[in-house]
């Protein structure tokens, strides 16, 4: 299985701009990309950026992995509220690096004790395919019942 996204960029990093033109599913199209959106606009409203897209991928992959594992164990989730926050920091010698992804989940899982939930939640973090792709960075998890 392969998936794709297409980006068009014009100009230099700081004065240029781009667009996430399309994705295979059509879920994203014509989303603006710019230096400002990535590094300067703390509101996050100037457009998307690679870190936001990685966060979206990690949160959605983790939610699906956890939902599968809970249902497979006989205690399907009623609701999983998952957030991923990517940590982008300047690196020594110039440039930037992604240092971590902080996952958090607040769950409603009838019939499951919180300790068992946290055990399953941690295992889901470890085997989620996007977590595997991000294994070069620190991945943390805050798991709780809603």
C-alpha atoms as a PDB file:
ATOM      1  CA  UNK A   1       0.000   0.000   0.000  1.00  0.00           C
ATOM      2  CA  UNK A   2       1.332   3.434  -0.916  1.00  0.00           C
ATOM      3  CA  UNK A   3      -0.133   6.881  -0.264  1.00  0.00           C
ATOM      4  CA  UNK A   4       0.878  10.232  -1.690  1.00  0.00           C
ATOM      5  CA  UNK A   5       0.742  13.962  -1.202  1.00  0.00           C
ATOM      6  CA  UNK A   6       1.790  16.621  -3.704  1.00  0.00           C
ATOM      7  CA  UNK A   7       3.384  19.971  -2.762  1.00  0.00           C
ATOM      8  CA  UNK A   8       4.274  22.889  -5.048  1.00  0.00           C
ATOM      9  CA  UNK A   9       6.878  25.384  -3.754  1.00  0.00           C
ATOM     10  CA  UNK A  10       8.005  28.621  -5.410  1.00  0.00           C
ATOM     11  CA  UNK A  11      10.972  30.749  -4.365  1.00  0.00           C
ATOM     12  CA  UNK A  12      13.373  30.636  -1.453  1.00  0.00           C
ATOM     13  CA  UNK A  13      12.597  29.353   2.026  1.00  0.00           C
ATOM     14  CA  UNK A  14      11.970  32.706   3.707  1.00  0.00           C
ATOM     15  CA  UNK A  15      10.387  34.679   0.871  1.00  0.00           C
ATOM     16  CA  UNK A  16       8.820  31.849  -1.088  1.00  0.00           C
ATOM     17  CA  UNK A  17       5.584  30.037  -0.552  1.00  0.00           C
ATOM     18  CA  UNK A  18       3.911  26.820  -1.425  1.00  0.00           C
ATOM     19  CA  UNK A  19       0.771  24.778  -1.293  1.00  0.00           C
ATOM     20  CA  UNK A  20      -0.054  21.275  -0.269  1.00  0.00           C
ATOM     21  CA  UNK A  21      -1.820  20.788  -3.579  1.00  0.00           C
ATOM     22  CA  UNK A  22      -3.420  17.422  -3.067  1.00  0.00           C
ATOM     23  CA  UNK A  23      -3.438  14.123  -1.278  1.00  0.00           C
ATOM     24  CA  UNK A  24      -4.521  10.776  -2.584  1.00  0.00           C
ATOM     25  CA  UNK A  25      -7.710  10.808  -0.504  1.00  0.00           C
ATOM     26  CA  UNK A  26      -8.594  14.392  -1.382  1.00  0.00           C
ATOM     27  CA  UNK A  27      -8.816  15.213   2.330  1.00  0.00           C
ATOM     28  CA  UNK A  28      -6.242  17.985   1.916  1.00  0.00           C
ATOM     29  CA  UNK A  29      -6.049  20.310  -1.053  1.00  0.00           C
ATOM     30  CA  UNK A  30      -4.692  23.778  -1.695  1.00  0.00           C
ATOM     31  CA  UNK A  31      -3.396  24.299   1.839  1.00  0.00           C
ATOM     32  CA  UNK A  32      -0.911  27.189   2.059  1.00  0.00           C
ATOM     33  CA  UNK A  33       2.672  26.579   3.196  1.00  0.00           C
ATOM     34  CA  UNK A  34       5.160  29.301   4.097  1.00  0.00           C
ATOM     35  CA  UNK A  35       8.125  30.139   6.289  1.00  0.00           C
ATOM     36  CA  UNK A  36       5.810  32.299   8.393  1.00  0.00           C
ATOM     37  CA  UNK A  37       3.354  29.433   8.889  1.00  0.00           C
ATOM     38  CA  UNK A  38       6.165  27.153   9.978  1.00  0.00           C
ATOM     39  CA  UNK A  39       8.384  29.372  12.104  1.00  0.00           C
ATOM     40  CA  UNK A  40       6.817  32.743  12.872  1.00  0.00           C
ATOM     41  CA  UNK A  41       3.041  32.538  13.296  1.00  0.00           C
ATOM     42  CA  UNK A  42       2.438  31.173  16.794  1.00  0.00           C
ATOM     43  CA  UNK A  43      -1.336  31.264  16.225  1.00  0.00           C
ATOM     44  CA  UNK A  44      -0.994  28.542  13.591  1.00  0.00           C
ATOM     45  CA  UNK A  45      -3.426  30.347  11.290  1.00  0.00           C
ATOM     46  CA  UNK A  46      -1.027  31.340   8.475  1.00  0.00           C
ATOM     47  CA  UNK A  47      -1.152  27.883   6.885  1.00  0.00           C
ATOM     48  CA  UNK A  48      -0.080  24.357   7.575  1.00  0.00           C
ATOM     49  CA  UNK A  49       3.439  23.019   8.045  1.00  0.00           C
ATOM     50  CA  UNK A  50       5.190  19.647   8.049  1.00  0.00           C
ATOM     51  CA  UNK A  51       5.128  19.361  11.843  1.00  0.00           C
ATOM     52  CA  UNK A  52       1.366  19.890  12.003  1.00  0.00           C
ATOM     53  CA  UNK A  53       0.904  17.216   9.351  1.00  0.00           C
ATOM     54  CA  UNK A  54       3.170  14.804  11.250  1.00  0.00           C
ATOM     55  CA  UNK A  55       1.130  15.499  14.395  1.00  0.00           C
ATOM     56  CA  UNK A  56      -2.086  14.751  12.498  1.00  0.00           C
ATOM     57  CA  UNK A  57      -0.631  11.515  11.153  1.00  0.00           C
ATOM     58  CA  UNK A  58       0.631  10.421  14.569  1.00  0.00           C
ATOM     59  CA  UNK A  59      -2.599  11.233  16.423  1.00  0.00           C
ATOM     60  CA  UNK A  60      -4.815   9.503  13.872  1.00  0.00           C
ATOM     61  CA  UNK A  61      -2.598   6.416  13.592  1.00  0.00           C
ATOM     62  CA  UNK A  62      -2.382   6.080  17.362  1.00  0.00           C
ATOM     63  CA  UNK A  63      -6.163   6.504  17.783  1.00  0.00           C
ATOM     64  CA  UNK A  64      -6.839   3.751  15.263  1.00  0.00           C
ATOM     65  CA  UNK A  65      -4.234   1.408  16.787  1.00  0.00           C
ATOM     66  CA  UNK A  66      -5.602   1.931  20.296  1.00  0.00           C
ATOM     67  CA  UNK A  67      -9.222   1.538  19.159  1.00  0.00           C
ATOM     68  CA  UNK A  68      -8.318  -1.749  17.487  1.00  0.00           C
ATOM     69  CA  UNK A  69      -6.506  -3.109  20.529  1.00  0.00           C
ATOM     70  CA  UNK A  70      -9.297  -2.145  22.924  1.00  0.00           C
ATOM     71  CA  UNK A  71     -11.974  -3.743  20.729  1.00  0.00           C
ATOM     72  CA  UNK A  72      -9.842  -6.834  20.182  1.00  0.00           C
ATOM     73  CA  UNK A  73      -9.606  -7.197  23.979  1.00  0.00           C
ATOM     74  CA  UNK A  74     -13.396  -7.064  24.335  1.00  0.00           C
ATOM     75  CA  UNK A  75     -13.629  -3.500  25.662  1.00  0.00           C
ATOM     76  CA  UNK A  76     -14.234  -1.196  22.713  1.00  0.00           C
ATOM     77  CA  UNK A  77     -13.761   2.501  23.361  1.00  0.00           C
ATOM     78  CA  UNK A  78     -16.780   4.737  23.446  1.00  0.00           C
ATOM     79  CA  UNK A  79     -14.536   7.736  22.727  1.00  0.00           C
ATOM     80  CA  UNK A  80     -10.822   8.421  22.282  1.00  0.00           C
ATOM     81  CA  UNK A  81      -9.701  12.058  22.297  1.00  0.00           C
ATOM     82  CA  UNK A  82      -6.120  11.959  20.999  1.00  0.00           C
ATOM     83  CA  UNK A  83      -3.681  14.824  20.534  1.00  0.00           C
ATOM     84  CA  UNK A  84      -0.098  14.744  19.235  1.00  0.00           C
ATOM     85  CA  UNK A  85       2.220  17.688  19.725  1.00  0.00           C
ATOM     86  CA  UNK A  86       5.422  17.769  17.683  1.00  0.00           C
ATOM     87  CA  UNK A  87       8.442  19.500  19.247  1.00  0.00           C
ATOM     88  CA  UNK A  88      10.516  21.383  16.649  1.00  0.00           C
ATOM     89  CA  UNK A  89      13.627  23.068  18.062  1.00  0.00           C
ATOM     90  CA  UNK A  90      16.731  24.815  16.717  1.00  0.00           C
ATOM     91  CA  UNK A  91      19.653  22.441  16.479  1.00  0.00           C
ATOM     92  CA  UNK A  92      23.232  23.122  17.353  1.00  0.00           C
ATOM     93  CA  UNK A  93      25.101  24.317  14.279  1.00  0.00           C
ATOM     94  CA  UNK A  94      22.003  25.755  12.599  1.00  0.00           C
ATOM     95  CA  UNK A  95      18.722  24.580  11.248  1.00  0.00           C
ATOM     96  CA  UNK A  96      15.959  22.807  13.108  1.00  0.00           C
ATOM     97  CA  UNK A  97      15.155  19.297  14.253  1.00  0.00           C
ATOM     98  CA  UNK A  98      12.107  17.450  15.440  1.00  0.00           C
ATOM     99  CA  UNK A  99      12.899  16.255  18.938  1.00  0.00           C
ATOM    100  CA  UNK A 100       9.694  14.595  20.023  1.00  0.00           C
ATOM    101  CA  UNK A 101       6.044  13.799  19.719  1.00  0.00           C
ATOM    102  CA  UNK A 102       3.898  14.037  22.837  1.00  0.00           C
ATOM    103  CA  UNK A 103       0.774  11.913  22.554  1.00  0.00           C
ATOM    104  CA  UNK A 104      -2.120  12.403  24.933  1.00  0.00           C
ATOM    105  CA  UNK A 105      -5.343  10.459  25.064  1.00  0.00           C
ATOM    106  CA  UNK A 106      -8.441  10.941  27.187  1.00  0.00           C
ATOM    107  CA  UNK A 107     -10.615   7.867  26.821  1.00  0.00           C
ATOM    108  CA  UNK A 108     -14.037   6.618  27.690  1.00  0.00           C
ATOM    109  CA  UNK A 109     -13.841   2.820  27.818  1.00  0.00           C
ATOM    110  CA  UNK A 110     -16.724   1.157  29.664  1.00  0.00           C
ATOM    111  CA  UNK A 111     -15.819  -2.006  31.541  1.00  0.00           C
ATOM    112  CA  UNK A 112     -12.061  -1.455  31.630  1.00  0.00           C
ATOM    113  CA  UNK A 113      -9.950  -0.570  34.649  1.00  0.00           C
ATOM    114  CA  UNK A 114      -7.691   2.449  34.236  1.00  0.00           C
ATOM    115  CA  UNK A 115      -4.483   0.514  34.974  1.00  0.00           C
ATOM    116  CA  UNK A 116      -5.271  -2.000  32.209  1.00  0.00           C
ATOM    117  CA  UNK A 117      -6.195   0.866  29.883  1.00  0.00           C
ATOM    118  CA  UNK A 118      -2.816   2.532  30.456  1.00  0.00           C
ATOM    119  CA  UNK A 119      -1.051  -0.765  29.734  1.00  0.00           C
ATOM    120  CA  UNK A 120      -2.913  -1.166  26.422  1.00  0.00           C
ATOM    121  CA  UNK A 121      -2.437   2.532  25.580  1.00  0.00           C
ATOM    122  CA  UNK A 122       1.330   2.225  26.032  1.00  0.00           C
ATOM    123  CA  UNK A 123       1.516  -0.885  23.892  1.00  0.00           C
ATOM    124  CA  UNK A 124      -0.519   0.855  21.171  1.00  0.00           C
ATOM    125  CA  UNK A 125       1.978   3.745  21.226  1.00  0.00           C
ATOM    126  CA  UNK A 126       4.843   1.333  20.770  1.00  0.00           C
ATOM    127  CA  UNK A 127       3.338  -0.567  17.814  1.00  0.00           C
ATOM    128  CA  UNK A 128       1.543   2.233  15.958  1.00  0.00           C
ATOM    129  CA  UNK A 129       3.147   2.348  12.469  1.00  0.00           C
ATOM    130  CA  UNK A 130       3.693   6.121  12.633  1.00  0.00           C
ATOM    131  CA  UNK A 131       5.414   5.718  16.020  1.00  0.00           C
ATOM    132  CA  UNK A 132       7.674   3.227  14.297  1.00  0.00           C
ATOM    133  CA  UNK A 133       8.482   5.733  11.568  1.00  0.00           C
ATOM    134  CA  UNK A 134       9.257   8.335  14.233  1.00  0.00           C
ATOM    135  CA  UNK A 135      11.505   6.064  16.316  1.00  0.00           C
ATOM    136  CA  UNK A 136      14.439   8.507  15.993  1.00  0.00           C
ATOM    137  CA  UNK A 137      12.622  10.970  18.280  1.00  0.00           C
ATOM    138  CA  UNK A 138      11.307  10.822  21.842  1.00  0.00           C
ATOM    139  CA  UNK A 139       7.657   9.735  21.939  1.00  0.00           C
ATOM    140  CA  UNK A 140       5.783  10.269  25.174  1.00  0.00           C
ATOM    141  CA  UNK A 141       2.258   9.342  26.211  1.00  0.00           C
ATOM    142  CA  UNK A 142      -0.175  10.779  28.721  1.00  0.00           C
ATOM    143  CA  UNK A 143      -3.116   8.377  28.950  1.00  0.00           C
ATOM    144  CA  UNK A 144      -6.149   8.934  31.161  1.00  0.00           C
ATOM    145  CA  UNK A 145      -9.863   8.306  31.426  1.00  0.00           C
ATOM    146  CA  UNK A 146     -12.108  11.177  30.445  1.00  0.00           C
END
